[in-house]
Amino acid sequence: MRQFATLIGLLVCFYGTTQPKKNIDSKIEKVTVFLEGAQTQRSAKVNLTAGKYELIFTNISPSVDKQSIQVKADGNVTVLSVIHQQNFLKEQQKQEEIKEIETQKETQLEKISLQRNII
């Protein structure tokens, strides 16, 4: 019975300390292209009530430099930490224009290899 009460107490503590998660879809506001790389600025507006939240920003490029991520919040908000995690289980969506260019690239490479074989 004591073990059961301890287990119930631990479960209550565990579920009482979990932070609500909120997925946020941000929009690109500004892009600066450099010789090696680029800088993008994204923004999102979220209304939150008082408390601790885990905010998950979705649809971010998987090739982002995790050392360069910065978060700024306006108002009476404190950012406790920023963590970069990549979801390997979710397939990254490609834009239609990128898909078309990749198929054109493949057909051109096939033509080049055919010409080399003929020569």
PDB file of N, CA and C in Angstrom:
ATOM      1  N   MET A   1       0.819  -1.187   0.000  1.00  0.00           N
ATOM      2  CA  MET A   1       0.000   0.000   0.000  1.00  0.00           C
ATOM      3  C   MET A   1       0.871   1.262   0.000  1.00  0.00           C
ATOM      4  N   ARG A   2       1.995   1.205   0.736  1.00  0.00           N
ATOM      5  CA  ARG A   2       2.894   2.356   0.776  1.00  0.00           C
ATOM      6  C   ARG A   2       3.497   2.622  -0.594  1.00  0.00           C
ATOM      7  N   GLN A   3       3.864   1.529  -1.275  1.00  0.00           N
ATOM      8  CA  GLN A   3       4.444   1.683  -2.607  1.00  0.00           C
ATOM      9  C   GLN A   3       3.420   2.279  -3.568  1.00  0.00           C
ATOM     10  N   PHE A   4       2.185   1.867  -3.435  1.00  0.00           N
ATOM     11  CA  PHE A   4       1.129   2.387  -4.294  1.00  0.00           C
ATOM     12  C   PHE A   4       0.932   3.886  -4.054  1.00  0.00           C
ATOM     13  N   ALA A   5       0.942   4.314  -2.803  1.00  0.00           N
ATOM     14  CA  ALA A   5       0.783   5.736  -2.470  1.00  0.00           C
ATOM     15  C   ALA A   5       1.966   6.541  -2.996  1.00  0.00           C
ATOM     16  N   THR A   6       3.180   5.972  -2.886  1.00  0.00           N
ATOM     17  CA  THR A   6       4.370   6.652  -3.400  1.00  0.00           C
ATOM     18  C   THR A   6       4.284   6.789  -4.910  1.00  0.00           C
ATOM     19  N   LEU A   7       3.853   5.737  -5.595  1.00  0.00           N
ATOM     20  CA  LEU A   7       3.705   5.763  -7.050  1.00  0.00           C
ATOM     21  C   LEU A   7       2.682   6.814  -7.471  1.00  0.00           C
ATOM     22  N   ILE A   8       1.561   6.881  -6.783  1.00  0.00           N
ATOM     23  CA  ILE A   8       0.539   7.894  -7.088  1.00  0.00           C
ATOM     24  C   ILE A   8       1.112   9.293  -6.869  1.00  0.00           C
ATOM     25  N   GLY A   9       1.855   9.486  -5.795  1.00  0.00           N
ATOM     26  CA  GLY A   9       2.458  10.793  -5.515  1.00  0.00           C
ATOM     27  C   GLY A   9       3.441  11.203  -6.592  1.00  0.00           C
ATOM     28  N   LEU A  10       4.260  10.267  -7.051  1.00  0.00           N
ATOM     29  CA  LEU A  10       5.219  10.565  -8.123  1.00  0.00           C
ATOM     30  C   LEU A  10       4.513  10.903  -9.429  1.00  0.00           C
ATOM     31  N   LEU A  11       3.452  10.192  -9.750  1.00  0.00           N
ATOM     32  CA  LEU A  11       2.706  10.477 -10.972  1.00  0.00           C
ATOM     33  C   LEU A  11       2.063  11.851 -10.923  1.00  0.00           C
ATOM     34  N   VAL A  12       1.528  12.235  -9.775  1.00  0.00           N
ATOM     35  CA  VAL A  12       0.916  13.552  -9.632  1.00  0.00           C
ATOM     36  C   VAL A  12       1.979  14.632  -9.797  1.00  0.00           C
ATOM     37  N   CYS A  13       3.146  14.424  -9.189  1.00  0.00           N
ATOM     38  CA  CYS A  13       4.237  15.405  -9.332  1.00  0.00           C
ATOM     39  C   CYS A  13       4.701  15.493 -10.779  1.00  0.00           C
ATOM     40  N   PHE A  14       4.824  14.340 -11.436  1.00  0.00           N
ATOM     41  CA  PHE A  14       5.297  14.316 -12.823  1.00  0.00           C
ATOM     42  C   PHE A  14       4.324  15.034 -13.740  1.00  0.00           C
ATOM     43  N   TYR A  15       3.041  14.719 -13.642  1.00  0.00           N
ATOM     44  CA  TYR A  15       2.059  15.345 -14.521  1.00  0.00           C
ATOM     45  C   TYR A  15       1.796  16.797 -14.135  1.00  0.00           C
ATOM     46  N   GLY A  16       2.039  17.152 -12.896  1.00  0.00           N
ATOM     47  CA  GLY A  16       1.860  18.538 -12.476  1.00  0.00           C
ATOM     48  C   GLY A  16       2.957  19.451 -12.984  1.00  0.00           C
ATOM     49  N   THR A  17       4.145  18.903 -13.290  1.00  0.00           N
ATOM     50  CA  THR A  17       5.270  19.734 -13.733  1.00  0.00           C
ATOM     51  C   THR A  17       5.449  19.733 -15.237  1.00  0.00           C
ATOM     52  N   THR A  18       4.690  18.946 -15.974  1.00  0.00           N
ATOM     53  CA  THR A  18       4.841  18.964 -17.424  1.00  0.00           C
ATOM     54  C   THR A  18       4.304  20.277 -17.970  1.00  0.00           C
ATOM     55  N   GLN A  19       5.036  20.822 -18.921  1.00  0.00           N
ATOM     56  CA  GLN A  19       4.653  22.097 -19.512  1.00  0.00           C
ATOM     57  C   GLN A  19       3.797  21.846 -20.742  1.00  0.00           C
ATOM     58  N   PRO A  20       2.773  22.650 -20.925  1.00  0.00           N
ATOM     59  CA  PRO A  20       1.975  22.493 -22.144  1.00  0.00           C
ATOM     60  C   PRO A  20       2.809  22.847 -23.372  1.00  0.00           C
ATOM     61  N   LYS A  21       2.682  22.033 -24.405  1.00  0.00           N
ATOM     62  CA  LYS A  21       3.419  22.264 -25.659  1.00  0.00           C
ATOM     63  C   LYS A  21       2.496  22.953 -26.649  1.00  0.00           C
ATOM     64  N   LYS A  22       3.085  23.881 -27.405  1.00  0.00           N
ATOM     65  CA  LYS A  22       2.294  24.603 -28.385  1.00  0.00           C
ATOM     66  C   LYS A  22       3.102  24.695 -29.678  1.00  0.00           C
ATOM     67  N   ASN A  23       2.569  24.130 -30.768  1.00  0.00           N
ATOM     68  CA  ASN A  23       3.224  24.229 -32.067  1.00  0.00           C
ATOM     69  C   ASN A  23       2.937  25.586 -32.682  1.00  0.00           C
ATOM     70  N   ILE A  24       3.999  26.211 -33.209  1.00  0.00           N
ATOM     71  CA  ILE A  24       3.881  27.545 -33.783  1.00  0.00           C
ATOM     72  C   ILE A  24       4.441  27.516 -35.191  1.00  0.00           C
ATOM     73  N   ASP A  25       3.694  28.050 -36.128  1.00  0.00           N
ATOM     74  CA  ASP A  25       4.148  28.158 -37.511  1.00  0.00           C
ATOM     75  C   ASP A  25       4.559  29.604 -37.757  1.00  0.00           C
ATOM     76  N   SER A  26       5.858  29.847 -37.921  1.00  0.00           N
ATOM     77  CA  SER A  26       6.351  31.215 -38.102  1.00  0.00           C
ATOM     78  C   SER A  26       6.438  31.550 -39.583  1.00  0.00           C
ATOM     79  N   LYS A  27       6.470  32.846 -39.872  1.00  0.00           N
ATOM     80  CA  LYS A  27       6.534  33.330 -41.248  1.00  0.00           C
ATOM     81  C   LYS A  27       7.864  34.041 -41.465  1.00  0.00           C
ATOM     82  N   ILE A  28       8.436  33.875 -42.657  1.00  0.00           N
ATOM     83  CA  ILE A  28       9.689  34.540 -42.995  1.00  0.00           C
ATOM     84  C   ILE A  28       9.402  36.011 -43.260  1.00  0.00           C
ATOM     85  N   GLU A  29      10.101  36.872 -42.550  1.00  0.00           N
ATOM     86  CA  GLU A  29       9.929  38.317 -42.687  1.00  0.00           C
ATOM     87  C   GLU A  29      11.024  38.940 -43.539  1.00  0.00           C
ATOM     88  N   LYS A  30      12.265  38.476 -43.377  1.00  0.00           N
ATOM     89  CA  LYS A  30      13.402  39.097 -44.044  1.00  0.00           C
ATOM     90  C   LYS A  30      14.474  38.040 -44.295  1.00  0.00           C
ATOM     91  N   VAL A  31      15.108  38.120 -45.476  1.00  0.00           N
ATOM     92  CA  VAL A  31      16.189  37.205 -45.828  1.00  0.00           C
ATOM     93  C   VAL A  31      17.367  38.026 -46.319  1.00  0.00           C
ATOM     94  N   THR A  32      18.557  37.728 -45.801  1.00  0.00           N
ATOM     95  CA  THR A  32      19.786  38.359 -46.253  1.00  0.00           C
ATOM     96  C   THR A  32      20.707  37.252 -46.743  1.00  0.00           C
ATOM     97  N   VAL A  33      21.150  37.354 -47.997  1.00  0.00           N
ATOM     98  CA  VAL A  33      22.003  36.329 -48.592  1.00  0.00           C
ATOM     99  C   VAL A  33      23.450  36.816 -48.572  1.00  0.00           C
ATOM    100  N   PHE A  34      24.342  35.968 -48.076  1.00  0.00           N
ATOM    101  CA  PHE A  34      25.770  36.254 -48.025  1.00  0.00           C
ATOM    102  C   PHE A  34      26.497  35.342 -49.002  1.00  0.00           C
ATOM    103  N   LEU A  35      27.807  35.538 -49.177  1.00  0.00           N
ATOM    104  CA  LEU A  35      28.578  34.677 -50.065  1.00  0.00           C
ATOM    105  C   LEU A  35      28.561  33.228 -49.586  1.00  0.00           C
ATOM    106  N   GLU A  36      28.623  33.034 -48.292  1.00  0.00           N
ATOM    107  CA  GLU A  36      28.552  31.686 -47.731  1.00  0.00           C
ATOM    108  C   GLU A  36      27.429  31.627 -46.710  1.00  0.00           C
ATOM    109  N   GLY A  37      26.246  31.306 -47.158  1.00  0.00           N
ATOM    110  CA  GLY A  37      25.116  31.170 -46.257  1.00  0.00           C
ATOM    111  C   GLY A  37      24.098  32.284 -46.415  1.00  0.00           C
ATOM    112  N   ALA A  38      23.139  32.274 -45.525  1.00  0.00           N
ATOM    113  CA  ALA A  38      22.078  33.277 -45.541  1.00  0.00           C
ATOM    114  C   ALA A  38      21.536  33.447 -44.134  1.00  0.00           C
ATOM    115  N   GLN A  39      20.858  34.559 -43.914  1.00  0.00           N
ATOM    116  CA  GLN A  39      20.233  34.851 -42.629  1.00  0.00           C
ATOM    117  C   GLN A  39      18.752  35.077 -42.875  1.00  0.00           C
ATOM    118  N   THR A  40      17.921  34.365 -42.141  1.00  0.00           N
ATOM    119  CA  THR A  40      16.484  34.558 -42.262  1.00  0.00           C
ATOM    120  C   THR A  40      15.937  35.037 -40.929  1.00  0.00           C
ATOM    121  N   GLN A  41      14.994  35.938 -40.996  1.00  0.00           N
ATOM    122  CA  GLN A  41      14.304  36.409 -39.807  1.00  0.00           C
ATOM    123  C   GLN A  41      12.858  35.982 -39.918  1.00  0.00           C
ATOM    124  N   ARG A  42      12.381  35.275 -38.913  1.00  0.00           N
ATOM    125  CA  ARG A  42      11.016  34.782 -38.876  1.00  0.00           C
ATOM    126  C   ARG A  42      10.284  35.437 -37.724  1.00  0.00           C
ATOM    127  N   SER A  43       8.973  35.513 -37.837  1.00  0.00           N
ATOM    128  CA  SER A  43       8.186  36.063 -36.736  1.00  0.00           C
ATOM    129  C   SER A  43       6.878  35.294 -36.607  1.00  0.00           C
ATOM    130  N   ALA A  44       6.373  35.290 -35.392  1.00  0.00           N
ATOM    131  CA  ALA A  44       5.091  34.646 -35.107  1.00  0.00           C
ATOM    132  C   ALA A  44       4.473  35.349 -33.907  1.00  0.00           C
ATOM    133  N   LYS A  45       3.168  35.438 -33.890  1.00  0.00           N
ATOM    134  CA  LYS A  45       2.455  36.017 -32.763  1.00  0.00           C
ATOM    135  C   LYS A  45       1.652  34.923 -32.088  1.00  0.00           C
ATOM    136  N   VAL A  46       1.788  34.865 -30.759  1.00  0.00           N
ATOM    137  CA  VAL A  46       1.096  33.848 -29.980  1.00  0.00           C
ATOM    138  C   VAL A  46       0.543  34.502 -28.731  1.00  0.00           C
ATOM    139  N   ASN A  47      -0.697  34.230 -28.418  1.00  0.00           N
ATOM    140  CA  ASN A  47      -1.298  34.702 -27.172  1.00  0.00           C
ATOM    141  C   ASN A  47      -1.208  33.589 -26.143  1.00  0.00           C
ATOM    142  N   LEU A  48      -0.583  33.887 -25.016  1.00  0.00           N
ATOM    143  CA  LEU A  48      -0.405  32.903 -23.962  1.00  0.00           C
ATOM    144  C   LEU A  48      -0.927  33.455 -22.645  1.00  0.00           C
ATOM    145  N   THR A  49      -1.463  32.590 -21.827  1.00  0.00           N
ATOM    146  CA  THR A  49      -1.824  32.987 -20.477  1.00  0.00           C
ATOM    147  C   THR A  49      -0.597  32.805 -19.586  1.00  0.00           C
ATOM    148  N   ALA A  50      -0.656  33.254 -18.378  1.00  0.00           N
ATOM    149  CA  ALA A  50       0.484  33.146 -17.470  1.00  0.00           C
ATOM    150  C   ALA A  50       0.837  31.679 -17.246  1.00  0.00           C
ATOM    151  N   GLY A  51       2.141  31.396 -17.185  1.00  0.00           N
ATOM    152  CA  GLY A  51       2.611  30.034 -16.955  1.00  0.00           C
ATOM    153  C   GLY A  51       3.804  29.720 -17.821  1.00  0.00           C
ATOM    154  N   LYS A  52       4.304  28.497 -17.680  1.00  0.00           N
ATOM    155  CA  LYS A  52       5.441  28.040 -18.482  1.00  0.00           C
ATOM    156  C   LYS A  52       4.917  27.255 -19.677  1.00  0.00           C
ATOM    157  N   TYR A  53       5.512  27.517 -20.843  1.00  0.00           N
ATOM    158  CA  TYR A  53       5.114  26.836 -22.067  1.00  0.00           C
ATOM    159  C   TYR A  53       6.340  26.346 -22.795  1.00  0.00           C
ATOM    160  N   GLU A  54       6.174  25.265 -23.517  1.00  0.00           N
ATOM    161  CA  GLU A  54       7.193  24.788 -24.443  1.00  0.00           C
ATOM    162  C   GLU A  54       6.678  25.108 -25.841  1.00  0.00           C
ATOM    163  N   LEU A  55       7.316  26.075 -26.493  1.00  0.00           N
ATOM    164  CA  LEU A  55       6.892  26.504 -27.822  1.00  0.00           C
ATOM    165  C   LEU A  55       7.729  25.782 -28.861  1.00  0.00           C
ATOM    166  N   ILE A  56       7.076  25.135 -29.803  1.00  0.00           N
ATOM    167  CA  ILE A  56       7.758  24.354 -30.841  1.00  0.00           C
ATOM    168  C   ILE A  56       7.535  25.056 -32.176  1.00  0.00           C
ATOM    169  N   PHE A  57       8.619  25.544 -32.762  1.00  0.00           N
ATOM    170  CA  PHE A  57       8.539  26.220 -34.053  1.00  0.00           C
ATOM    171  C   PHE A  57       8.699  25.169 -35.142  1.00  0.00           C
ATOM    172  N   THR A  58       7.680  25.042 -35.982  1.00  0.00           N
ATOM    173  CA  THR A  58       7.665  24.010 -37.015  1.00  0.00           C
ATOM    174  C   THR A  58       8.057  24.593 -38.369  1.00  0.00           C
ATOM    175  N   ASN A  59       8.332  23.708 -39.313  1.00  0.00           N
ATOM    176  CA  ASN A  59       8.668  24.049 -40.697  1.00  0.00           C
ATOM    177  C   ASN A  59       9.898  24.947 -40.802  1.00  0.00           C
ATOM    178  N   ILE A  60      10.904  24.651 -39.998  1.00  0.00           N
ATOM    179  CA  ILE A  60      12.193  25.336 -40.079  1.00  0.00           C
ATOM    180  C   ILE A  60      13.121  24.438 -40.895  1.00  0.00           C
ATOM    181  N   SER A  61      14.003  25.040 -41.674  1.00  0.00           N
ATOM    182  CA  SER A  61      14.914  24.285 -42.520  1.00  0.00           C
ATOM    183  C   SER A  61      15.790  23.350 -41.679  1.00  0.00           C
ATOM    184  N   PRO A  62      15.977  22.110 -42.127  1.00  0.00           N
ATOM    185  CA  PRO A  62      16.844  21.196 -41.373  1.00  0.00           C
ATOM    186  C   PRO A  62      18.324  21.550 -41.487  1.00  0.00           C
ATOM    187  N   SER A  63      18.682  22.433 -42.402  1.00  0.00           N
ATOM    188  CA  SER A  63      20.091  22.791 -42.571  1.00  0.00           C
ATOM    189  C   SER A  63      20.453  24.064 -41.806  1.00  0.00           C
ATOM    190  N   VAL A  64      19.642  24.457 -40.844  1.00  0.00           N
ATOM    191  CA  VAL A  64      19.915  25.660 -40.059  1.00  0.00           C
ATOM    192  C   VAL A  64      21.116  25.407 -39.140  1.00  0.00           C
ATOM    193  N   ASP A  65      21.927  26.439 -38.950  1.00  0.00           N
ATOM    194  CA  ASP A  65      23.059  26.355 -38.035  1.00  0.00           C
ATOM    195  C   ASP A  65      22.527  26.563 -36.622  1.00  0.00           C
ATOM    196  N   LYS A  66      22.547  25.508 -35.821  1.00  0.00           N
ATOM    197  CA  LYS A  66      21.919  25.592 -34.504  1.00  0.00           C
ATOM    198  C   LYS A  66      22.631  26.563 -33.569  1.00  0.00           C
ATOM    199  N   GLN A  67      23.880  26.913 -33.864  1.00  0.00           N
ATOM    200  CA  GLN A  67      24.607  27.872 -33.034  1.00  0.00           C
ATOM    201  C   GLN A  67      24.134  29.311 -33.281  1.00  0.00           C
ATOM    202  N   SER A  68      23.434  29.538 -34.372  1.00  0.00           N
ATOM    203  CA  SER A  68      23.044  30.903 -34.731  1.00  0.00           C
ATOM    204  C   SER A  68      21.591  31.227 -34.400  1.00  0.00           C
ATOM    205  N   ILE A  69      20.878  30.319 -33.770  1.00  0.00           N
ATOM    206  CA  ILE A  69      19.463  30.550 -33.466  1.00  0.00           C
ATOM    207  C   ILE A  69      19.341  31.557 -32.324  1.00  0.00           C
ATOM    208  N   GLN A  70      18.516  32.571 -32.544  1.00  0.00           N
ATOM    209  CA  GLN A  70      18.250  33.591 -31.527  1.00  0.00           C
ATOM    210  C   GLN A  70      16.747  33.765 -31.402  1.00  0.00           C
ATOM    211  N   VAL A  71      16.282  33.975 -30.182  1.00  0.00           N
ATOM    212  CA  VAL A  71      14.859  34.165 -29.935  1.00  0.00           C
ATOM    213  C   VAL A  71      14.680  35.486 -29.196  1.00  0.00           C
ATOM    214  N   LYS A  72      13.716  36.281 -29.658  1.00  0.00           N
ATOM    215  CA  LYS A  72      13.400  37.559 -29.025  1.00  0.00           C
ATOM    216  C   LYS A  72      11.900  37.578 -28.756  1.00  0.00           C
ATOM    217  N   ALA A  73      11.532  37.993 -27.571  1.00  0.00           N
ATOM    218  CA  ALA A  73      10.118  38.061 -27.206  1.00  0.00           C
ATOM    219  C   ALA A  73       9.800  39.457 -26.687  1.00  0.00           C
ATOM    220  N   ASP A  74       8.705  40.020 -27.153  1.00  0.00           N
ATOM    221  CA  ASP A  74       8.263  41.338 -26.702  1.00  0.00           C
ATOM    222  C   ASP A  74       7.240  41.169 -25.589  1.00  0.00           C
ATOM    223  N   GLY A  75       7.157  42.156 -24.747  1.00  0.00           N
ATOM    224  CA  GLY A  75       6.166  42.133 -23.687  1.00  0.00           C
ATOM    225  C   GLY A  75       6.748  41.588 -22.399  1.00  0.00           C
ATOM    226  N   ASN A  76       5.874  41.183 -21.510  1.00  0.00           N
ATOM    227  CA  ASN A  76       6.259  40.690 -20.199  1.00  0.00           C
ATOM    228  C   ASN A  76       6.506  39.185 -20.267  1.00  0.00           C
ATOM    229  N   VAL A  77       7.581  38.798 -20.982  1.00  0.00           N
ATOM    230  CA  VAL A  77       7.890  37.391 -21.233  1.00  0.00           C
ATOM    231  C   VAL A  77       9.362  37.155 -20.930  1.00  0.00           C
ATOM    232  N   THR A  78       9.665  36.014 -20.359  1.00  0.00           N
ATOM    233  CA  THR A  78      11.047  35.613 -20.126  1.00  0.00           C
ATOM    234  C   THR A  78      11.307  34.318 -20.876  1.00  0.00           C
ATOM    235  N   VAL A  79      12.341  34.322 -21.722  1.00  0.00           N
ATOM    236  CA  VAL A  79      12.734  33.107 -22.438  1.00  0.00           C
ATOM    237  C   VAL A  79      13.726  32.376 -21.551  1.00  0.00           C
ATOM    238  N   LEU A  80      13.374  31.170 -21.117  1.00  0.00           N
ATOM    239  CA  LEU A  80      14.235  30.417 -20.210  1.00  0.00           C
ATOM    240  C   LEU A  80      15.353  29.704 -20.945  1.00  0.00           C
ATOM    241  N   SER A  81      15.051  29.096 -22.079  1.00  0.00           N
ATOM    242  CA  SER A  81      16.089  28.401 -22.840  1.00  0.00           C
ATOM    243  C   SER A  81      15.619  28.182 -24.274  1.00  0.00           C
ATOM    244  N   VAL A  82      16.603  27.930 -25.150  1.00  0.00           N
ATOM    245  CA  VAL A  82      16.327  27.632 -26.553  1.00  0.00           C
ATOM    246  C   VAL A  82      17.042  26.335 -26.876  1.00  0.00           C
ATOM    247  N   ILE A  83      16.301  25.367 -27.385  1.00  0.00           N
ATOM    248  CA  ILE A  83      16.858  24.054 -27.704  1.00  0.00           C
ATOM    249  C   ILE A  83      16.543  23.746 -29.161  1.00  0.00           C
ATOM    250  N   HIS A  84      17.553  23.283 -29.900  1.00  0.00           N
ATOM    251  CA  HIS A  84      17.362  22.882 -31.300  1.00  0.00           C
ATOM    252  C   HIS A  84      17.239  21.367 -31.354  1.00  0.00           C
ATOM    253  N   GLN A  85      16.138  20.886 -31.900  1.00  0.00           N
ATOM    254  CA  GLN A  85      15.931  19.452 -32.101  1.00  0.00           C
ATOM    255  C   GLN A  85      15.366  19.252 -33.493  1.00  0.00           C
ATOM    256  N   GLN A  86      15.883  18.244 -34.174  1.00  0.00           N
ATOM    257  CA  GLN A  86      15.390  17.943 -35.511  1.00  0.00           C
ATOM    258  C   GLN A  86      14.523  16.698 -35.450  1.00  0.00           C
ATOM    259  N   ASN A  87      13.356  16.770 -36.073  1.00  0.00           N
ATOM    260  CA  ASN A  87      12.437  15.647 -36.109  1.00  0.00           C
ATOM    261  C   ASN A  87      12.763  14.801 -37.335  1.00  0.00           C
ATOM    262  N   PHE A  88      13.457  13.694 -37.120  1.00  0.00           N
ATOM    263  CA  PHE A  88      13.846  12.827 -38.227  1.00  0.00           C
ATOM    264  C   PHE A  88      12.690  11.948 -38.692  1.00  0.00           C
ATOM    265  N   LEU A  89      11.642  11.837 -37.890  1.00  0.00           N
ATOM    266  CA  LEU A  89      10.506  11.002 -38.265  1.00  0.00           C
ATOM    267  C   LEU A  89       9.560  11.708 -39.223  1.00  0.00           C
ATOM    268  N   LYS A  90       9.566  13.038 -39.200  1.00  0.00           N
ATOM    269  CA  LYS A  90       8.690  13.799 -40.085  1.00  0.00           C
ATOM    270  C   LYS A  90       9.437  14.098 -41.379  1.00  0.00           C
ATOM    271  N   GLU A  91       8.827  13.756 -42.486  1.00  0.00           N
ATOM    272  CA  GLU A  91       9.451  13.997 -43.787  1.00  0.00           C
ATOM    273  C   GLU A  91       9.380  15.486 -44.115  1.00  0.00           C
ATOM    274  N   GLN A  92      10.504  16.015 -44.572  1.00  0.00           N
ATOM    275  CA  GLN A  92      10.578  17.439 -44.904  1.00  0.00           C
ATOM    276  C   GLN A  92       9.835  17.689 -46.213  1.00  0.00           C
ATOM    277  N   GLN A  93       8.959  18.676 -46.232  1.00  0.00           N
ATOM    278  CA  GLN A  93       8.200  19.034 -47.423  1.00  0.00           C
ATOM    279  C   GLN A  93       9.080  19.852 -48.368  1.00  0.00           C
ATOM    280  N   LYS A  94       9.056  19.517 -49.654  1.00  0.00           N
ATOM    281  CA  LYS A  94       9.795  20.280 -50.654  1.00  0.00           C
ATOM    282  C   LYS A  94       8.815  21.112 -51.466  1.00  0.00           C
ATOM    283  N   GLN A  95       9.266  22.278 -51.866  1.00  0.00           N
ATOM    284  CA  GLN A  95       8.432  23.135 -52.682  1.00  0.00           C
ATOM    285  C   GLN A  95       8.355  22.561 -54.093  1.00  0.00           C
ATOM    286  N   GLU A  96       7.263  22.863 -54.779  1.00  0.00           N
ATOM    287  CA  GLU A  96       7.043  22.336 -56.127  1.00  0.00           C
ATOM    288  C   GLU A  96       8.144  22.775 -57.093  1.00  0.00           C
ATOM    289  N   GLU A  97       8.594  24.015 -56.970  1.00  0.00           N
ATOM    290  CA  GLU A  97       9.635  24.533 -57.857  1.00  0.00           C
ATOM    291  C   GLU A  97      10.937  23.745 -57.678  1.00  0.00           C
ATOM    292  N   ILE A  98      11.268  23.396 -56.447  1.00  0.00           N
ATOM    293  CA  ILE A  98      12.480  22.618 -56.184  1.00  0.00           C
ATOM    294  C   ILE A  98      12.341  21.223 -56.768  1.00  0.00           C
ATOM    295  N   LYS A  99      11.164  20.622 -56.648  1.00  0.00           N
ATOM    296  CA  LYS A  99      10.936  19.295 -57.215  1.00  0.00           C
ATOM    297  C   LYS A  99      11.116  19.319 -58.736  1.00  0.00           C
ATOM    298  N   GLU A 100      10.581  20.347 -59.405  1.00  0.00           N
ATOM    299  CA  GLU A 100      10.702  20.456 -60.856  1.00  0.00           C
ATOM    300  C   GLU A 100      12.160  20.609 -61.283  1.00  0.00           C
ATOM    301  N   ILE A 101      12.904  21.438 -60.562  1.00  0.00           N
ATOM    302  CA  ILE A 101      14.319  21.643 -60.901  1.00  0.00           C
ATOM    303  C   ILE A 101      15.109  20.350 -60.694  1.00  0.00           C
ATOM    304  N   GLU A 102      14.799  19.601 -59.653  1.00  0.00           N
ATOM    305  CA  GLU A 102      15.501  18.333 -59.418  1.00  0.00           C
ATOM    306  C   GLU A 102      15.207  17.320 -60.522  1.00  0.00           C
ATOM    307  N   THR A 103      13.958  17.260 -61.009  1.00  0.00           N
ATOM    308  CA  THR A 103      13.653  16.334 -62.097  1.00  0.00           C
ATOM    309  C   THR A 103      14.347  16.764 -63.390  1.00  0.00           C
ATOM    310  N   GLN A 104      14.423  18.090 -63.641  1.00  0.00           N
ATOM    311  CA  GLN A 104      15.158  18.578 -64.814  1.00  0.00           C
ATOM    312  C   GLN A 104      16.640  18.231 -64.705  1.00  0.00           C
ATOM    313  N   LYS A 105      17.184  18.328 -63.532  1.00  0.00           N
ATOM    314  CA  LYS A 105      18.590  17.978 -63.308  1.00  0.00           C
ATOM    315  C   LYS A 105      18.830  16.499 -63.605  1.00  0.00           C
ATOM    316  N   GLU A 106      17.928  15.645 -63.128  1.00  0.00           N
ATOM    317  CA  GLU A 106      18.068  14.207 -63.365  1.00  0.00           C
ATOM    318  C   GLU A 106      18.002  13.878 -64.856  1.00  0.00           C
ATOM    319  N   THR A 107      17.070  14.499 -65.579  1.00  0.00           N
ATOM    320  CA  THR A 107      16.969  14.218 -67.013  1.00  0.00           C
ATOM    321  C   THR A 107      18.212  14.714 -67.753  1.00  0.00           C
ATOM    322  N   GLN A 108      18.752  15.861 -67.365  1.00  0.00           N
ATOM    323  CA  GLN A 108      19.979  16.355 -68.006  1.00  0.00           C
ATOM    324  C   GLN A 108      21.162  15.438 -67.710  1.00  0.00           C
ATOM    325  N   LEU A 109      21.251  14.929 -66.491  1.00  0.00           N
ATOM    326  CA  LEU A 109      22.336  14.004 -66.151  1.00  0.00           C
ATOM    327  C   LEU A 109      22.210  12.697 -66.938  1.00  0.00           C
ATOM    328  N   GLU A 110      20.982  12.241 -67.153  1.00  0.00           N
ATOM    329  CA  GLU A 110      20.774  11.035 -67.968  1.00  0.00           C
ATOM    330  C   GLU A 110      21.201  11.272 -69.409  1.00  0.00           C
ATOM    331  N   LYS A 111      20.881  12.457 -69.954  1.00  0.00           N
ATOM    332  CA  LYS A 111      21.287  12.791 -71.321  1.00  0.00           C
ATOM    333  C   LYS A 111      22.814  12.862 -71.435  1.00  0.00           C
ATOM    334  N   ILE A 112      23.451  13.431 -70.434  1.00  0.00           N
ATOM    335  CA  ILE A 112      24.917  13.527 -70.446  1.00  0.00           C
ATOM    336  C   ILE A 112      25.544  12.141 -70.405  1.00  0.00           C
ATOM    337  N   SER A 113      25.025  11.280 -69.548  1.00  0.00           N
ATOM    338  CA  SER A 113      25.596   9.934 -69.472  1.00  0.00           C
ATOM    339  C   SER A 113      25.342   9.153 -70.762  1.00  0.00           C
ATOM    340  N   LEU A 114      24.205   9.360 -71.421  1.00  0.00           N
ATOM    341  CA  LEU A 114      23.915   8.717 -72.706  1.00  0.00           C
ATOM    342  C   LEU A 114      24.902   9.179 -73.766  1.00  0.00           C
ATOM    343  N   GLN A 115      25.173  10.491 -73.806  1.00  0.00           N
ATOM    344  CA  GLN A 115      26.129  11.035 -74.779  1.00  0.00           C
ATOM    345  C   GLN A 115      27.537  10.491 -74.523  1.00  0.00           C
ATOM    346  N   ARG A 116      27.918  10.369 -73.270  1.00  0.00           N
ATOM    347  CA  ARG A 116      29.242   9.814 -72.955  1.00  0.00           C
ATOM    348  C   ARG A 116      29.347   8.355 -73.382  1.00  0.00           C
ATOM    349  N   ASN A 117      28.264   7.612 -73.217  1.00  0.00           N
ATOM    350  CA  ASN A 117      28.281   6.208 -73.621  1.00  0.00           C
ATOM    351  C   ASN A 117      28.369   6.087 -75.145  1.00  0.00           C
ATOM    352  N   ILE A 118      27.713   7.006 -75.864  1.00  0.00           N
ATOM    353  CA  ILE A 118      27.771   6.976 -77.330  1.00  0.00           C
ATOM    354  C   ILE A 118      29.191   7.284 -77.811  1.00  0.00           C
ATOM    355  N   ILE A 119      29.843   8.241 -77.172  1.00  0.00           N
ATOM    356  CA  ILE A 119      31.216   8.612 -77.543  1.00  0.00           C
ATOM    357  C   ILE A 119      32.149   7.485 -77.234  1.00  0.00           C
TER     358      ILE A 119
END
